[in-house]
Amino acid sequence: MTNHITTKWLGDMAFESNNPSGHNFTIDAGPEDGGSGNGLRPKALMLSSLAGCTGLDVVALIKKMKLEVDNFKIDTIAELTDEHPKYYKEVRIEYHFYGTNLDEKKLQRAVGLSFDKYCGVIEMFRGFATVTTGVIFHSK
């Protein structure tokens, strides 16, 4: 399967990029780097892609396992290298599950399956960073 993305310069430091879903989004640098800050930052967008990929896996597994989860969020914390070109050297993905009847064992399994087997973006990140996870349960 081939993906084709077109990213068009809008002037200054801003770009518009498309997506196979048909949605467009803006990429821009912050004022400290000559942009106006009116778009997503490229490196942070990578972290959003990582969280989105594993999040989709986990939600699909929650549905498949018929688990009760009231809410779910992912915090992605990444450390950049000091030297240019700066890239993420360490990434931690923290999965937060909220609910009154959380099946912690099965939710851990869902996260593990995404981390070890399903999420292609995690696999890409492993090529240049140490990736770790944490699972936090918030029971009511």
Protein backbone atom coordinates (compact mmCIF):
# COMPACT_ATOMS: atom_id res chain seq x y z
CA MET A 1 0.00 0.00 0.00
CA THR A 2 1.28 3.45 -0.92
CA ASN A 3 0.29 6.71 0.75
CA HIS A 4 0.63 9.97 -1.17
CA ILE A 5 0.54 13.21 0.80
CA THR A 6 0.86 16.66 -0.76
CA THR A 7 2.19 19.50 1.38
CA LYS A 8 1.96 23.01 -0.09
CA TRP A 9 3.86 26.07 1.07
CA LEU A 10 1.48 28.87 2.14
CA GLY A 11 4.17 31.53 2.64
CA ASP A 12 6.38 32.48 5.56
CA MET A 13 6.87 29.24 7.55
CA ALA A 14 3.39 27.78 6.99
CA PHE A 15 2.37 24.73 4.96
CA GLU A 16 -0.92 23.00 4.27
CA SER A 17 -0.86 19.21 4.11
CA ASN A 18 -3.58 16.84 3.02
CA ASN A 19 -4.47 13.43 4.36
CA PRO A 20 -6.00 10.35 2.70
CA SER A 21 -9.11 11.02 4.83
CA GLY A 22 -9.71 14.19 2.82
CA HIS A 23 -8.94 16.53 5.73
CA ASN A 24 -6.29 19.22 5.44
CA PHE A 25 -4.24 20.73 8.23
CA THR A 26 -1.70 23.52 8.66
CA ILE A 27 1.89 23.09 9.76
CA ASP A 28 3.68 26.19 11.05
CA ALA A 29 6.70 27.14 13.09
CA GLY A 30 6.38 29.16 16.27
CA PRO A 31 7.29 32.86 16.42
CA GLU A 32 10.67 31.93 17.96
CA ASP A 33 11.47 30.12 14.68
CA GLY A 34 10.08 32.69 12.24
CA GLY A 35 6.51 31.39 11.98
CA SER A 36 3.24 32.75 13.25
CA GLY A 37 2.29 29.69 15.32
CA ASN A 38 -0.95 29.14 13.40
CA GLY A 39 -0.45 25.45 12.80
CA LEU A 40 0.81 22.19 14.18
CA ARG A 41 4.52 21.74 14.83
CA PRO A 42 6.08 18.87 12.84
CA LYS A 43 7.78 17.06 15.73
CA ALA A 44 4.75 17.38 18.03
CA LEU A 45 2.61 16.09 15.16
CA MET A 46 4.75 12.95 15.18
CA LEU A 47 3.82 12.41 18.83
CA SER A 48 0.13 12.93 18.01
CA SER A 49 0.44 10.33 15.26
CA LEU A 50 2.03 7.93 17.71
CA ALA A 51 -0.73 8.44 20.30
CA GLY A 52 -3.43 8.26 17.64
CA CYS A 53 -2.11 4.99 16.23
CA THR A 54 -1.89 3.19 19.55
CA GLY A 55 -5.12 4.81 20.75
CA LEU A 56 -7.04 3.43 17.78
CA ASP A 57 -5.64 -0.03 18.50
CA VAL A 58 -6.56 0.14 22.19
CA VAL A 59 -10.10 1.39 21.54
CA ALA A 60 -10.67 -1.37 18.96
CA LEU A 61 -9.49 -3.92 21.54
CA ILE A 62 -11.66 -2.36 24.28
CA LYS A 63 -14.66 -2.83 22.00
CA LYS A 64 -13.64 -6.35 20.98
CA MET A 65 -13.11 -7.39 24.62
CA LYS A 66 -16.36 -5.62 25.64
CA LEU A 67 -14.59 -3.69 28.41
CA GLU A 68 -16.19 -0.88 30.40
CA VAL A 69 -14.19 2.33 30.15
CA ASP A 70 -15.77 5.72 30.88
CA ASN A 71 -12.88 7.74 29.50
CA PHE A 72 -9.41 7.20 28.08
CA LYS A 73 -6.51 9.54 27.33
CA ILE A 74 -2.90 9.18 26.30
CA ASP A 75 -0.06 11.41 27.47
CA THR A 76 3.02 11.24 25.25
CA ILE A 77 6.20 12.67 26.74
CA ALA A 78 9.32 12.87 24.59
CA GLU A 79 12.90 13.97 25.07
CA LEU A 80 14.81 15.54 22.17
CA THR A 81 18.52 15.15 21.52
CA ASP A 82 20.68 18.19 22.30
CA GLU A 83 22.48 18.32 18.95
CA HIS A 84 21.12 19.02 15.47
CA PRO A 85 19.38 17.40 13.81
CA LYS A 86 17.25 17.17 16.95
CA TYR A 87 15.08 14.07 17.15
CA TYR A 88 13.24 12.19 19.85
CA LYS A 89 15.62 9.90 21.72
CA GLU A 90 13.20 8.82 24.49
CA VAL A 91 9.43 8.58 24.30
CA ARG A 92 7.05 7.54 27.06
CA ILE A 93 3.42 6.72 26.30
CA GLU A 94 1.13 6.88 29.34
CA TYR A 95 -2.34 5.39 28.99
CA HIS A 96 -4.94 6.72 31.45
CA PHE A 97 -8.16 4.75 31.89
CA TYR A 98 -11.11 6.13 33.85
CA GLY A 99 -14.14 4.19 35.06
CA THR A 100 -15.99 2.45 37.86
CA ASN A 101 -15.54 -1.10 36.58
CA LEU A 102 -12.08 -1.24 34.97
CA ASP A 103 -10.71 -4.67 34.11
CA GLU A 104 -7.07 -3.77 34.70
CA LYS A 105 -5.65 -7.06 33.46
CA LYS A 106 -7.49 -6.91 30.12
CA LEU A 107 -6.70 -3.23 29.65
CA GLN A 108 -3.00 -3.98 30.26
CA ARG A 109 -3.30 -6.71 27.62
CA ALA A 110 -4.89 -4.29 25.12
CA VAL A 111 -2.04 -1.82 25.63
CA GLY A 112 0.52 -4.61 25.32
CA LEU A 113 -0.96 -5.86 22.06
CA SER A 114 -0.83 -2.39 20.57
CA PHE A 115 2.70 -1.78 21.85
CA ASP A 116 4.17 -5.14 20.83
CA LYS A 117 2.15 -6.17 17.79
CA TYR A 118 -0.25 -3.73 16.11
CA CYS A 119 0.94 -0.12 16.14
CA GLY A 120 3.15 0.55 13.15
CA VAL A 121 3.98 4.06 14.34
CA ILE A 122 5.43 2.68 17.58
CA GLU A 123 7.53 0.33 15.46
CA MET A 124 8.79 3.28 13.38
CA PHE A 125 9.70 5.20 16.55
CA ARG A 126 11.68 2.20 17.81
CA GLY A 127 14.05 2.82 14.89
CA PHE A 128 15.39 5.98 16.53
CA ALA A 129 14.09 6.19 20.11
CA THR A 130 13.66 4.21 23.29
CA VAL A 131 9.90 3.82 23.71
CA THR A 132 8.33 2.91 27.05
CA THR A 133 4.78 2.73 28.36
CA GLY A 134 2.86 3.19 31.56
CA VAL A 135 -0.74 2.37 32.36
CA ILE A 136 -2.60 4.38 34.98
CA PHE A 137 -6.04 3.41 36.26
CA HIS A 138 -8.40 6.04 37.67
CA SER A 139 -11.25 4.22 39.40
CA LYS A 140 -14.21 6.14 40.72
